[in-house]
Amino acid sequence: MSTPKNEPGQEKKLNVFERYLTIWVILCIIGGIVLGKVAPGAAEALDRMALYVNGAPVVSIPIAIALFFMMYPIMVKIDFAEVVKAGKSPKPVLLTLVVNWAVKPFTMFAIAWFFLGVVFRGLIPGTEIVKDGTEVELFRSYISGAILLGIAPCTAMVLMWGYLARGNQGHTLVMVAINSLTMLVLYGVLGGWLLGVNKMPVPWQALLLSIAIYVALPLAAGYFTRKWIIAHKGIDWFQAKFLHMLTPVSILALLGTLVLLFSFKGETILSNPLTILWIAVPLFIQTVLIFAVTYALAKMLKFSYEDAAPSAMIGASNHFEVAIATATLLFGLSSGAALATVVGVLIEVPVMLMLVKVCLRTKHWFGGAAPAAA
């Protein structure tokens, strides 16, 4: 597969779902709250349609279907043949892996604990009953959602962020593939350990099942679909036709899931409307911090701008689809952890677009020409 290039004058644009994702999420919040008031049993009825193990609901079938279609369009875009090319430029790949798995999970936990467990703790009173029947403090549930975001390196919209920042799309594609593979091993290990440190129940069977359903299954389906279509239709038809048809599927599935989630969380938000703000503060700080650290390290290591920009973008952004799916399966659609992962969606687009502009304005730091005055 040839590496996509940023041709002059051929600007790639966010589609209407991607550009206005924050607005769509806000509308889903409103729609979900209204649904919870008008038809309070609708979401519960859908959530009861589940696969049961030993008499206990393990996987909500409607949510599992929606979350599969959130993930599949992302996975089908991945060309794993690009991974073998990573050896030609190992430093950007190694930096991204170190930041994603040795730095980011722990800074996320520390920042979330400081703000949600200390600074805002008095503003987040109460407890909740999570999926396995355990009663937990609400602030810990929100921290858990932040943890699940922090250990999920982006493999979806980062392709767009790298493109808009005029970075090396070959490096971005390689890291999308490598992140998808490393998540199969490290997501469960780090997630289980950090949730345990946060004194949350860690249903290991459910956590492993989450990885199988929401990472391994769509990853395998995407790989074989891609291979079959390219073999029978060709790469041009795959890119121009098939991927174009899939473009809105992931976000539509995400938005449908959010409506259900907020139909459960409406009362929490109405009774404490600043909850989303308290959660957003550590997520915003984490995003900017990881971007700054990675970008600075790329400068110190003398990367080209084309490698530095996507390295920083990959570190800063989160795979919120996996985080939402995992929080829902582990703790339930109505949990504070699920709500916290949704706040990640809420701030993702505006914050990442801001960081794209930072990259473009600082491109000359890496040896290019200084940007023209606005």
Protein backbone atom coordinates (compact mmCIF):
# COMPACT_ATOMS: atom_id res chain seq x y z
CA MET A 1 0.00 0.00 0.00
CA SER A 2 1.43 3.35 -0.96
CA THR A 3 1.83 5.98 1.71
CA PRO A 4 -0.77 8.73 1.51
CA LYS A 5 0.70 12.14 0.76
CA ASN A 6 -0.51 15.59 1.59
CA GLU A 7 -0.67 17.04 -1.89
CA PRO A 8 -0.52 20.84 -2.06
CA GLY A 9 -3.90 22.32 -2.61
CA GLN A 10 -5.63 19.05 -1.87
CA GLU A 11 -6.76 19.62 1.68
CA LYS A 12 -8.48 16.73 3.40
CA LYS A 13 -11.51 17.81 5.38
CA LEU A 14 -13.30 16.42 8.39
CA ASN A 15 -16.74 15.18 7.41
CA VAL A 16 -19.85 16.64 9.03
CA PHE A 17 -19.88 14.00 11.77
CA GLU A 18 -16.19 14.44 12.63
CA ARG A 19 -16.06 18.25 12.44
CA TYR A 20 -19.11 18.73 14.65
CA LEU A 21 -18.64 15.68 16.89
CA THR A 22 -18.74 17.80 20.04
CA ILE A 23 -22.11 19.27 18.97
CA TRP A 24 -23.45 15.79 18.15
CA VAL A 25 -22.37 14.54 21.57
CA ILE A 26 -24.11 17.48 23.27
CA LEU A 27 -27.28 16.69 21.29
CA CYS A 28 -26.99 13.05 22.38
CA ILE A 29 -26.71 14.18 25.99
CA ILE A 30 -29.91 16.19 25.61
CA GLY A 31 -31.64 13.42 23.65
CA GLY A 32 -30.62 10.78 26.16
CA ILE A 33 -31.83 12.84 29.12
CA VAL A 34 -35.16 13.44 27.37
CA LEU A 35 -35.47 9.73 26.55
CA GLY A 36 -34.77 8.86 30.19
CA LYS A 37 -37.61 11.19 31.26
CA VAL A 38 -40.13 10.24 28.57
CA ALA A 39 -39.44 6.49 28.38
CA PRO A 40 -37.45 5.55 31.49
CA GLY A 41 -37.72 1.83 30.79
CA ALA A 42 -36.48 1.92 27.18
CA ALA A 43 -32.74 1.83 27.85
CA GLU A 44 -33.15 -0.69 30.69
CA ALA A 45 -35.17 -2.97 28.40
CA LEU A 46 -32.46 -2.85 25.75
CA ASP A 47 -29.72 -3.40 28.30
CA ARG A 48 -31.54 -6.49 29.64
CA MET A 49 -31.17 -8.10 26.20
CA ALA A 50 -27.90 -9.71 27.24
CA LEU A 51 -25.77 -12.82 27.13
CA TYR A 52 -25.94 -14.47 30.56
CA VAL A 53 -23.24 -16.54 32.28
CA ASN A 54 -24.20 -18.38 35.48
CA GLY A 55 -27.42 -16.38 35.60
CA ALA A 56 -25.66 -12.98 35.45
CA PRO A 57 -25.79 -10.61 32.46
CA VAL A 58 -22.31 -10.32 30.95
CA VAL A 59 -22.71 -8.62 27.55
CA SER A 60 -25.59 -6.39 26.49
CA ILE A 61 -26.43 -7.56 22.96
CA PRO A 62 -27.64 -4.17 21.58
CA ILE A 63 -24.65 -2.36 23.05
CA ALA A 64 -22.25 -5.05 21.80
CA ILE A 65 -23.64 -4.68 18.27
CA ALA A 66 -23.38 -0.89 18.41
CA LEU A 67 -19.85 -1.02 19.79
CA PHE A 68 -18.76 -3.56 17.17
CA PHE A 69 -19.85 -1.14 14.46
CA MET A 70 -17.96 1.62 16.26
CA MET A 71 -14.76 -0.45 15.99
CA TYR A 72 -15.04 -2.34 12.70
CA PRO A 73 -14.76 0.67 10.34
CA ILE A 74 -11.59 1.69 12.18
CA MET A 75 -9.98 -1.74 12.03
CA VAL A 76 -10.73 -2.34 8.36
CA LYS A 77 -8.59 0.69 7.45
CA ILE A 78 -5.46 -0.82 8.99
CA ASP A 79 -2.78 -2.18 6.66
CA PHE A 80 -0.64 -4.46 8.78
CA ALA A 81 1.88 -4.73 5.98
CA GLU A 82 2.98 -1.25 7.02
CA VAL A 83 4.29 -2.63 10.31
CA VAL A 84 7.24 -4.32 8.61
CA LYS A 85 8.35 -0.93 7.31
CA ALA A 86 8.69 0.46 10.84
CA GLY A 87 12.31 -0.71 11.03
CA LYS A 88 13.31 1.93 8.48
CA SER A 89 12.58 4.67 11.04
CA PRO A 90 12.54 3.04 14.49
CA LYS A 91 12.94 6.13 16.71
CA PRO A 92 9.45 7.61 16.12
CA VAL A 93 7.86 4.21 16.67
CA LEU A 94 9.82 3.59 19.89
CA LEU A 95 9.00 7.07 21.23
CA THR A 96 5.30 6.58 20.55
CA LEU A 97 5.28 3.15 22.20
CA VAL A 98 7.10 4.44 25.30
CA VAL A 99 4.74 7.41 25.68
CA ASN A 100 1.59 5.33 25.05
CA TRP A 101 2.39 2.49 27.44
CA ALA A 102 5.07 3.64 29.91
CA VAL A 103 4.06 7.27 30.48
CA LYS A 104 0.48 8.06 29.49
CA PRO A 105 -1.41 5.49 31.64
CA PHE A 106 0.37 6.64 34.81
CA THR A 107 0.10 10.38 34.20
CA MET A 108 -3.62 9.88 33.50
CA PHE A 109 -4.11 8.02 36.74
CA ALA A 110 -2.12 10.60 38.73
CA ILE A 111 -3.87 13.62 37.20
CA ALA A 112 -7.35 12.06 37.50
CA TRP A 113 -6.70 11.07 41.11
CA PHE A 114 -5.41 14.55 42.00
CA PHE A 115 -8.40 16.40 40.55
CA LEU A 116 -11.26 13.91 41.02
CA GLY A 117 -9.95 12.29 44.21
CA VAL A 118 -8.61 15.41 45.94
CA VAL A 119 -9.44 18.81 44.41
CA PHE A 120 -13.03 18.07 43.34
CA ARG A 121 -13.77 15.22 45.74
CA GLY A 122 -16.09 17.29 47.92
CA LEU A 123 -18.08 18.22 44.80
CA ILE A 124 -18.57 14.56 43.80
CA PRO A 125 -20.50 13.03 46.70
CA GLY A 126 -22.24 9.71 46.85
CA THR A 127 -21.79 6.12 45.74
CA GLU A 128 -23.13 3.88 42.99
CA ILE A 129 -23.72 0.19 42.45
CA VAL A 130 -21.64 -1.12 39.56
CA LYS A 131 -22.46 -4.07 37.36
CA ASP A 132 -21.23 -6.84 39.70
CA GLY A 133 -23.28 -5.42 42.59
CA THR A 134 -20.36 -3.75 44.38
CA GLU A 135 -20.98 -0.33 45.92
CA VAL A 136 -18.19 2.13 45.05
CA GLU A 137 -17.57 5.81 45.68
CA LEU A 138 -18.65 7.87 42.68
CA PHE A 139 -15.35 9.72 42.33
CA ARG A 140 -13.54 6.39 42.00
CA SER A 141 -15.89 5.41 39.19
CA TYR A 142 -15.05 8.62 37.32
CA ILE A 143 -11.32 7.98 37.86
CA SER A 144 -11.82 4.49 36.42
CA GLY A 145 -13.27 5.96 33.24
CA ALA A 146 -10.25 8.25 32.97
CA ILE A 147 -7.96 5.25 33.44
CA LEU A 148 -9.67 3.34 30.63
CA LEU A 149 -9.19 6.37 28.37
CA GLY A 150 -5.55 6.80 29.36
CA ILE A 151 -4.59 3.24 28.45
CA ALA A 152 -6.34 3.31 25.05
CA PRO A 153 -4.00 4.83 22.44
CA CYS A 154 -5.86 6.26 19.49
CA THR A 155 -6.19 4.16 16.33
CA ALA A 156 -9.05 5.99 14.64
CA MET A 157 -9.28 9.76 14.25
CA VAL A 158 -5.52 10.13 14.75
CA LEU A 159 -5.25 9.38 11.03
CA MET A 160 -7.16 12.61 10.46
CA TRP A 161 -5.16 14.61 13.02
CA GLY A 162 -1.88 13.50 11.45
CA TYR A 163 -3.16 14.39 7.99
CA LEU A 164 -4.37 17.85 9.01
CA ALA A 165 -1.04 18.53 10.72
CA ARG A 166 0.73 17.54 7.46
CA GLY A 167 2.64 14.77 9.19
CA ASN A 168 4.10 11.51 7.94
CA GLN A 169 1.05 9.35 7.27
CA GLY A 170 3.25 6.30 6.85
CA HIS A 171 4.34 6.58 10.50
CA THR A 172 0.75 7.17 11.58
CA LEU A 173 -0.45 4.06 9.74
CA VAL A 174 2.34 1.97 11.28
CA MET A 175 1.44 3.15 14.78
CA VAL A 176 -2.27 2.51 14.22
CA ALA A 177 -1.42 -1.11 13.41
CA ILE A 178 1.09 -1.50 16.27
CA ASN A 179 -1.27 0.09 18.80
CA SER A 180 -4.04 -2.30 17.78
CA LEU A 181 -1.75 -5.28 18.32
CA THR A 182 -0.24 -4.08 21.61
CA MET A 183 -3.70 -3.36 23.00
CA LEU A 184 -4.48 -7.07 22.77
CA VAL A 185 -1.85 -7.69 25.45
CA LEU A 186 -1.25 -4.49 27.42
CA TYR A 187 -4.74 -3.01 27.69
CA GLY A 188 -6.03 -5.73 29.98
CA VAL A 189 -2.84 -5.95 32.08
CA LEU A 190 -2.48 -2.20 32.70
CA GLY A 191 -6.22 -1.65 32.99
CA GLY A 192 -6.71 -4.37 35.56
CA TRP A 193 -3.75 -3.23 37.65
CA LEU A 194 -4.64 0.49 37.67
CA LEU A 195 -8.32 -0.22 38.39
CA GLY A 196 -7.16 -2.33 41.33
CA VAL A 197 -4.97 0.53 42.59
CA ASN A 198 -8.08 2.72 42.35
CA LYS A 199 -9.85 0.20 44.63
CA MET A 200 -12.41 -0.75 41.99
CA PRO A 201 -13.63 -4.30 41.47
CA VAL A 202 -11.69 -5.90 38.63
CA PRO A 203 -13.72 -8.67 36.95
CA TRP A 204 -10.83 -10.17 35.02
CA GLN A 205 -13.04 -12.49 32.97
CA ALA A 206 -15.14 -9.54 31.84
CA LEU A 207 -12.01 -7.49 31.11
CA LEU A 208 -10.55 -10.22 28.91
CA LEU A 209 -13.94 -10.69 27.26
CA SER A 210 -14.05 -6.97 26.56
CA ILE A 211 -10.69 -7.12 24.78
CA ALA A 212 -11.85 -10.14 22.78
CA ILE A 213 -15.15 -8.56 21.72
CA TYR A 214 -14.14 -4.95 21.22
CA VAL A 215 -10.56 -5.29 19.94
CA ALA A 216 -9.78 -8.81 18.72
CA LEU A 217 -13.11 -9.53 16.96
CA PRO A 218 -13.35 -6.29 14.92
CA LEU A 219 -9.59 -6.46 14.29
CA ALA A 220 -9.91 -9.93 12.78
CA ALA A 221 -13.08 -9.00 10.87
CA GLY A 222 -11.40 -5.88 9.50
CA TYR A 223 -8.27 -7.75 8.46
CA PHE A 224 -10.09 -10.49 6.55
CA THR A 225 -12.60 -8.08 5.02
CA ARG A 226 -9.81 -5.83 3.77
CA LYS A 227 -7.86 -8.78 2.39
CA TRP A 228 -10.87 -10.25 0.57
CA ILE A 229 -12.12 -6.99 -0.95
CA ILE A 230 -8.69 -5.89 -2.18
CA ALA A 231 -8.12 -9.34 -3.71
CA HIS A 232 -11.48 -9.27 -5.55
CA LYS A 233 -12.13 -5.57 -6.17
CA GLY A 234 -8.71 -3.94 -5.97
CA ILE A 235 -7.21 -1.33 -3.68
CA ASP A 236 -8.72 1.61 -5.59
CA TRP A 237 -12.31 0.32 -5.20
CA PHE A 238 -11.64 -0.48 -1.54
CA GLN A 239 -10.41 3.03 -0.77
CA ALA A 240 -12.78 5.02 -2.97
CA LYS A 241 -16.01 3.04 -2.52
CA PHE A 242 -15.96 0.71 0.48
CA LEU A 243 -14.26 3.02 2.97
CA HIS A 244 -16.44 5.90 1.82
CA MET A 245 -19.57 3.87 2.63
CA LEU A 246 -18.21 3.01 6.09
CA THR A 247 -17.19 6.57 7.02
CA PRO A 248 -20.35 7.53 8.99
CA VAL A 249 -21.01 4.06 10.44
CA SER A 250 -18.60 4.27 13.37
CA ILE A 251 -19.78 7.68 14.55
CA LEU A 252 -23.48 6.85 14.08
CA ALA A 253 -23.00 3.73 16.22
CA LEU A 254 -21.18 5.85 18.79
CA LEU A 255 -23.93 8.46 18.91
CA GLY A 256 -26.63 5.81 19.32
CA THR A 257 -24.73 4.32 22.24
CA LEU A 258 -24.39 7.75 23.84
CA VAL A 259 -28.14 8.35 23.70
CA LEU A 260 -28.69 5.14 25.67
CA LEU A 261 -25.95 5.98 28.14
CA PHE A 262 -27.32 9.44 28.89
CA SER A 263 -30.84 8.10 29.25
CA PHE A 264 -29.39 6.40 32.36
CA LYS A 265 -27.25 9.33 33.52
CA GLY A 266 -29.79 12.13 33.06
CA GLU A 267 -30.67 12.39 36.75
CA THR A 268 -26.99 12.58 37.75
CA ILE A 269 -26.32 15.38 35.29
CA LEU A 270 -29.47 17.33 36.15
CA SER A 271 -28.76 17.10 39.87
CA ASN A 272 -25.09 18.05 39.43
CA PRO A 273 -24.68 19.75 36.03
CA LEU A 274 -21.00 20.57 36.68
CA THR A 275 -20.10 16.86 36.83
CA ILE A 276 -18.99 16.88 33.20
CA LEU A 277 -16.75 19.89 33.86
CA TRP A 278 -15.06 18.21 36.83
CA ILE A 279 -14.29 15.18 34.67
CA ALA A 280 -13.19 17.29 31.68
CA VAL A 281 -10.52 19.20 33.62
CA PRO A 282 -8.09 16.28 34.19
CA LEU A 283 -8.77 14.88 30.71
CA PHE A 284 -7.92 18.22 29.10
CA ILE A 285 -4.75 18.64 31.18
CA GLN A 286 -3.65 15.09 30.40
CA THR A 287 -4.15 15.59 26.66
CA VAL A 288 -2.15 18.82 26.54
CA LEU A 289 0.58 17.47 28.83
CA ILE A 290 1.18 14.29 26.82
CA PHE A 291 1.20 16.28 23.58
CA ALA A 292 3.75 18.72 25.01
CA VAL A 293 5.99 15.97 26.44
CA THR A 294 6.00 13.94 23.22
CA TYR A 295 6.50 16.98 21.00
CA ALA A 296 9.40 18.19 23.18
CA LEU A 297 11.03 14.74 23.18
CA ALA A 298 10.67 14.57 19.40
CA LYS A 299 12.48 17.91 19.18
CA MET A 300 15.25 16.73 21.52
CA LEU A 301 15.66 13.53 19.48
CA LYS A 302 15.95 15.65 16.30
CA PHE A 303 12.92 14.22 14.54
CA SER A 304 11.71 15.83 11.36
CA TYR A 305 8.46 17.75 11.76
CA GLU A 306 6.68 15.12 9.65
CA ASP A 307 7.52 12.48 12.29
CA ALA A 308 7.21 14.73 15.36
CA ALA A 309 3.64 15.89 14.66
CA PRO A 310 1.96 12.47 14.35
CA SER A 311 4.02 11.12 17.28
CA ALA A 312 2.61 13.88 19.51
CA MET A 313 -0.91 13.46 18.10
CA ILE A 314 -0.94 9.70 18.69
CA GLY A 315 0.20 10.23 22.26
CA ALA A 316 -2.34 12.94 23.00
CA SER A 317 -5.48 11.37 21.53
CA ASN A 318 -7.45 8.47 23.00
CA HIS A 319 -9.25 5.45 21.59
CA PHE A 320 -12.52 6.47 23.25
CA GLU A 321 -14.49 3.76 21.44
CA VAL A 322 -12.60 0.99 23.26
CA ALA A 323 -12.76 2.91 26.54
CA ILE A 324 -16.55 3.32 26.31
CA ALA A 325 -16.99 -0.33 25.36
CA THR A 326 -14.82 -1.58 28.22
CA ALA A 327 -16.40 0.71 30.84
CA THR A 328 -19.86 -0.40 29.73
CA LEU A 329 -19.01 -4.10 29.89
CA LEU A 330 -17.11 -3.91 33.21
CA PHE A 331 -19.27 -1.50 35.19
CA GLY A 332 -22.51 -1.05 33.27
CA LEU A 333 -24.06 1.47 30.91
CA SER A 334 -25.27 3.57 33.84
CA SER A 335 -21.88 3.73 35.60
CA GLY A 336 -19.84 6.82 36.33
CA ALA A 337 -16.92 5.17 34.51
CA ALA A 338 -18.97 5.01 31.31
CA LEU A 339 -19.94 8.67 31.73
CA ALA A 340 -16.28 9.68 32.19
CA THR A 341 -15.27 7.96 28.95
CA VAL A 342 -17.98 9.88 27.12
CA VAL A 343 -16.53 13.16 28.36
CA GLY A 344 -13.41 12.07 26.49
CA VAL A 345 -15.48 12.08 23.30
CA LEU A 346 -16.91 15.48 24.18
CA ILE A 347 -13.53 17.21 24.32
CA GLU A 348 -11.61 15.14 21.74
CA VAL A 349 -12.34 17.11 18.57
CA PRO A 350 -11.93 20.72 19.80
CA VAL A 351 -8.78 19.92 21.79
CA MET A 352 -7.14 17.92 18.99
CA LEU A 353 -7.98 20.60 16.40
CA MET A 354 -6.33 23.12 18.73
CA LEU A 355 -3.21 20.93 18.89
CA VAL A 356 -3.18 20.56 15.09
CA LYS A 357 -2.96 24.35 14.89
CA VAL A 358 -0.12 24.32 17.46
CA CYS A 359 1.79 21.87 15.26
CA LEU A 360 1.30 23.90 12.10
CA ARG A 361 2.39 27.12 13.82
CA THR A 362 5.52 25.50 15.28
CA LYS A 363 6.61 23.55 12.20
CA HIS A 364 9.65 25.86 11.83
CA TRP A 365 11.00 24.58 15.16
CA PHE A 366 12.04 21.44 13.26
CA GLY A 367 13.90 23.24 10.48
CA GLY A 368 11.06 24.38 8.21
CA ALA A 369 10.10 27.89 7.26
CA ALA A 370 8.35 30.05 9.85
CA PRO A 371 4.56 30.24 9.38
CA ALA A 372 3.17 33.26 7.60
CA ALA A 373 1.55 35.90 9.78
CA ALA A 374 -2.18 35.39 10.12
